[in-house]
Amino acid sequence: MSINFARLLAVIGTCSMIISACGTMSSADFSKLPVEMVQADFAIDVSDPREVVGFADYYFIADVESAEPVKENGLSEAIKSESTGALPYTAIRATVLQNIKGTLPTDKPINFYKAGGVSTDGKTLMLYANDTLPEVGNIYAFTAVAQADGSLLVSGPNSNVQIDTDQKMIAGASFLSEYEENYKNEITYERERFSYKGEN
């Protein structure tokens, strides 16, 4: 084997490791990045959980299993068409522990998108002001909007609220009453509605 060919293989191997590392960036890696907050105007008062729930199609408690950066060509067509390009997106895979509004599968993990994530250059975490990115291993109350193609989008402040519990069997848990009350008193926002279609 020539020296030049050996060097080429070494370079290819190094590039492969870099690409692999970028493709599997975990939420633990996200937390190490500086955060850039993006200001935005919303159609609702995102500080009022009744309005946040009323705008959403689904409100559920879920355990996050993975969170990966998504390139634009990895977005669903509906989200891609609506994207302003102001924020990157993150692909979330989570197991639904409790449905509060709407019905999502609980027998297998579901996939959805979160508006916000790692910038294209990989140097910053870009989020709407006052928003957070779900982290693997944590449990959240999610509000999601179904898109025209059946995919789900979680977007904006208070669209994922962390729940301080490690319970996986949460049916009947006392803390659920707060979230059930939000749904009971939801302030519905009139808009076109769609439904989650699951995996193709």
Protein backbone atom coordinates (compact mmCIF):
# COMPACT_ATOMS: atom_id res chain seq x y z
CA MET A 1 0.00 0.00 0.00
CA SER A 2 1.45 3.38 -0.99
CA ILE A 3 1.90 6.13 1.59
CA ASN A 4 -0.49 8.47 -0.28
CA PHE A 5 -3.21 5.80 -0.42
CA ALA A 6 -2.76 5.11 3.29
CA ARG A 7 -3.12 8.82 4.02
CA LEU A 8 -6.26 8.94 1.89
CA LEU A 9 -7.79 6.10 3.87
CA ALA A 10 -6.90 7.86 7.12
CA VAL A 11 -8.58 11.06 5.92
CA ILE A 12 -11.69 9.18 4.80
CA GLY A 13 -11.83 7.41 8.14
CA THR A 14 -11.54 10.69 10.04
CA CYS A 15 -14.28 12.29 7.92
CA SER A 16 -16.54 9.30 8.49
CA MET A 17 -16.10 9.61 12.26
CA ILE A 18 -16.90 13.33 12.12
CA ILE A 19 -20.03 12.76 10.02
CA SER A 20 -21.12 9.94 12.30
CA ALA A 21 -20.64 12.09 15.41
CA CYS A 22 -22.66 14.95 13.92
CA GLY A 23 -25.44 12.62 12.88
CA THR A 24 -25.82 11.20 16.38
CA MET A 25 -25.50 14.36 18.47
CA SER A 26 -27.40 13.72 21.69
CA SER A 27 -29.40 16.11 23.83
CA ALA A 28 -26.51 15.96 26.30
CA ASP A 29 -24.37 17.51 23.55
CA PHE A 30 -27.07 20.14 22.92
CA SER A 31 -26.78 21.38 26.49
CA LYS A 32 -23.12 22.26 25.99
CA LEU A 33 -23.85 24.70 23.17
CA PRO A 34 -24.43 28.44 23.65
CA VAL A 35 -28.09 29.34 23.17
CA GLU A 36 -29.33 31.89 20.65
CA MET A 37 -32.87 33.07 21.38
CA VAL A 38 -35.08 34.05 18.45
CA GLN A 39 -37.89 36.53 19.07
CA ALA A 40 -41.27 35.73 17.55
CA ASP A 41 -44.89 36.85 17.66
CA PHE A 42 -47.45 34.13 18.34
CA ALA A 43 -51.16 34.00 17.60
CA ILE A 44 -51.86 33.11 21.24
CA ASP A 45 -50.59 34.02 24.69
CA VAL A 46 -47.98 31.29 25.11
CA SER A 47 -47.68 32.05 28.83
CA ASP A 48 -51.29 30.87 29.36
CA PRO A 49 -51.47 27.04 29.32
CA ARG A 50 -55.20 27.20 28.52
CA GLU A 51 -54.44 28.97 25.26
CA VAL A 52 -51.47 26.74 24.46
CA VAL A 53 -53.64 23.63 24.93
CA GLY A 54 -56.55 25.18 23.05
CA PHE A 55 -54.35 25.87 20.03
CA ALA A 56 -52.91 22.34 20.00
CA ASP A 57 -54.45 19.21 18.52
CA TYR A 58 -52.74 16.90 21.00
CA TYR A 59 -51.76 17.28 24.65
CA PHE A 60 -49.88 14.35 26.13
CA ILE A 61 -47.30 13.20 28.65
CA ALA A 62 -44.32 11.44 27.09
CA ASP A 63 -40.89 10.05 27.90
CA VAL A 64 -38.22 11.26 25.45
CA GLU A 65 -36.10 8.48 23.94
CA SER A 66 -34.08 10.40 21.35
CA ALA A 67 -33.55 13.92 20.04
CA GLU A 68 -31.60 14.38 16.81
CA PRO A 69 -30.87 17.40 14.60
CA VAL A 70 -32.83 17.43 11.33
CA LYS A 71 -31.60 18.82 8.03
CA GLU A 72 -34.20 20.54 5.85
CA ASN A 73 -34.45 17.57 3.49
CA GLY A 74 -35.35 15.42 6.49
CA LEU A 75 -38.44 17.47 7.37
CA SER A 76 -41.95 16.42 6.44
CA GLU A 77 -43.25 18.21 3.36
CA ALA A 78 -45.91 20.07 5.37
CA ILE A 79 -43.43 21.45 7.89
CA LYS A 80 -40.89 22.25 5.17
CA SER A 81 -43.51 24.30 3.31
CA GLU A 82 -44.42 26.24 6.46
CA SER A 83 -40.84 26.79 7.66
CA THR A 84 -39.54 30.36 7.57
CA GLY A 85 -35.97 29.19 7.94
CA ALA A 86 -35.60 31.17 11.18
CA LEU A 87 -35.02 28.03 13.24
CA PRO A 88 -33.60 24.55 12.73
CA TYR A 89 -35.68 21.53 13.77
CA THR A 90 -35.12 18.55 16.03
CA ALA A 91 -36.56 15.08 15.50
CA ILE A 92 -37.99 13.71 18.74
CA ARG A 93 -38.84 10.09 19.44
CA ALA A 94 -40.88 9.53 22.58
CA THR A 95 -43.20 7.08 24.27
CA VAL A 96 -46.62 8.47 25.17
CA LEU A 97 -47.40 7.69 28.80
CA GLN A 98 -50.75 9.49 28.99
CA ASN A 99 -53.04 11.14 26.45
CA ILE A 100 -54.86 14.20 27.78
CA LYS A 101 -56.21 15.77 24.57
CA GLY A 102 -56.48 13.65 21.45
CA THR A 103 -55.35 10.06 21.12
CA LEU A 104 -51.82 9.05 20.16
CA PRO A 105 -50.39 5.51 20.22
CA THR A 106 -49.13 4.34 23.60
CA ASP A 107 -48.00 0.86 22.54
CA LYS A 108 -44.98 2.08 20.57
CA PRO A 109 -42.86 5.26 20.37
CA ILE A 110 -44.00 8.12 18.13
CA ASN A 111 -41.89 10.56 16.13
CA PHE A 112 -42.47 14.30 15.90
CA TYR A 113 -40.61 17.54 15.24
CA LYS A 114 -39.63 20.28 17.64
CA ALA A 115 -39.06 23.81 16.29
CA GLY A 116 -35.59 24.72 17.49
CA GLY A 117 -32.31 22.88 17.66
CA VAL A 118 -28.71 22.91 16.55
CA SER A 119 -27.74 25.58 14.00
CA THR A 120 -26.52 24.55 10.55
CA ASP A 121 -22.90 25.16 11.51
CA GLY A 122 -23.35 23.13 14.71
CA LYS A 123 -22.08 25.95 16.92
CA THR A 124 -25.24 27.17 18.66
CA LEU A 125 -28.58 25.98 19.95
CA MET A 126 -31.33 28.12 18.40
CA LEU A 127 -34.68 28.38 20.19
CA TYR A 128 -37.63 30.72 20.45
CA ALA A 129 -37.23 33.07 23.43
CA ASN A 130 -38.23 31.35 26.69
CA ASP A 131 -38.39 27.95 25.00
CA THR A 132 -36.45 24.78 25.85
CA LEU A 133 -35.38 21.68 23.95
CA PRO A 134 -36.58 18.31 25.28
CA GLU A 135 -33.79 16.14 26.68
CA VAL A 136 -33.48 12.38 26.46
CA GLY A 137 -34.57 10.55 29.59
CA ASN A 138 -36.91 13.29 30.79
CA ILE A 139 -40.70 13.31 30.86
CA TYR A 140 -42.67 16.25 29.46
CA ALA A 141 -46.18 17.51 28.92
CA PHE A 142 -46.24 18.18 25.17
CA THR A 143 -48.66 20.20 23.08
CA ALA A 144 -48.48 19.30 19.40
CA VAL A 145 -50.11 20.57 16.24
CA ALA A 146 -50.92 18.04 13.50
CA GLN A 147 -49.79 19.07 10.02
CA ALA A 148 -51.61 18.54 6.72
CA ASP A 149 -49.49 15.45 5.99
CA GLY A 150 -50.20 13.91 9.41
CA SER A 151 -46.85 14.74 11.01
CA LEU A 152 -46.69 16.48 14.40
CA LEU A 153 -44.99 19.73 15.34
CA VAL A 154 -44.19 20.93 18.86
CA SER A 155 -43.37 24.63 18.69
CA GLY A 156 -42.95 27.64 20.93
CA PRO A 157 -42.56 28.40 24.64
CA ASN A 158 -44.41 26.01 26.98
CA SER A 159 -45.01 23.47 24.21
CA ASN A 160 -42.89 21.02 26.21
CA VAL A 161 -43.02 21.42 29.97
CA GLN A 162 -40.76 19.12 31.95
CA ILE A 163 -42.39 17.03 34.66
CA ASP A 164 -40.21 16.24 37.64
CA THR A 165 -40.97 12.54 37.93
CA ASP A 166 -39.34 9.26 37.00
CA GLN A 167 -42.65 7.40 37.01
CA LYS A 168 -43.31 5.47 33.81
CA MET A 169 -46.75 4.29 34.93
CA ILE A 170 -48.45 7.61 35.55
CA ALA A 171 -52.15 6.77 35.18
CA GLY A 172 -53.86 8.18 38.25
CA ALA A 173 -50.78 10.11 39.39
CA SER A 174 -51.66 13.15 41.49
CA PHE A 175 -49.67 15.57 39.31
CA LEU A 176 -51.88 14.78 36.30
CA SER A 177 -54.71 16.91 37.69
CA GLU A 178 -52.86 20.12 36.77
CA TYR A 179 -52.62 19.11 33.11
CA GLU A 180 -56.15 17.73 32.97
CA GLU A 181 -57.35 21.06 34.38
CA ASN A 182 -55.53 22.93 31.59
CA TYR A 183 -57.43 20.85 29.04
CA LYS A 184 -60.74 21.21 30.86
CA ASN A 185 -60.37 25.01 30.76
CA GLU A 186 -58.73 25.27 27.33
CA ILE A 187 -59.37 28.38 25.23
CA THR A 188 -59.93 27.01 21.75
CA TYR A 189 -58.29 28.77 18.80
CA GLU A 190 -60.26 28.59 15.58
CA ARG A 191 -58.10 27.26 12.76
CA GLU A 192 -57.98 24.39 10.28
CA ARG A 193 -57.31 21.11 12.07
CA PHE A 194 -55.58 17.90 11.00
CA SER A 195 -54.87 14.52 12.62
CA TYR A 196 -51.76 12.51 13.36
CA LYS A 197 -51.31 9.76 10.78
CA GLY A 198 -48.40 7.87 12.34
CA GLU A 199 -45.62 6.17 10.40
CA ASN A 200 -46.02 5.48 6.70
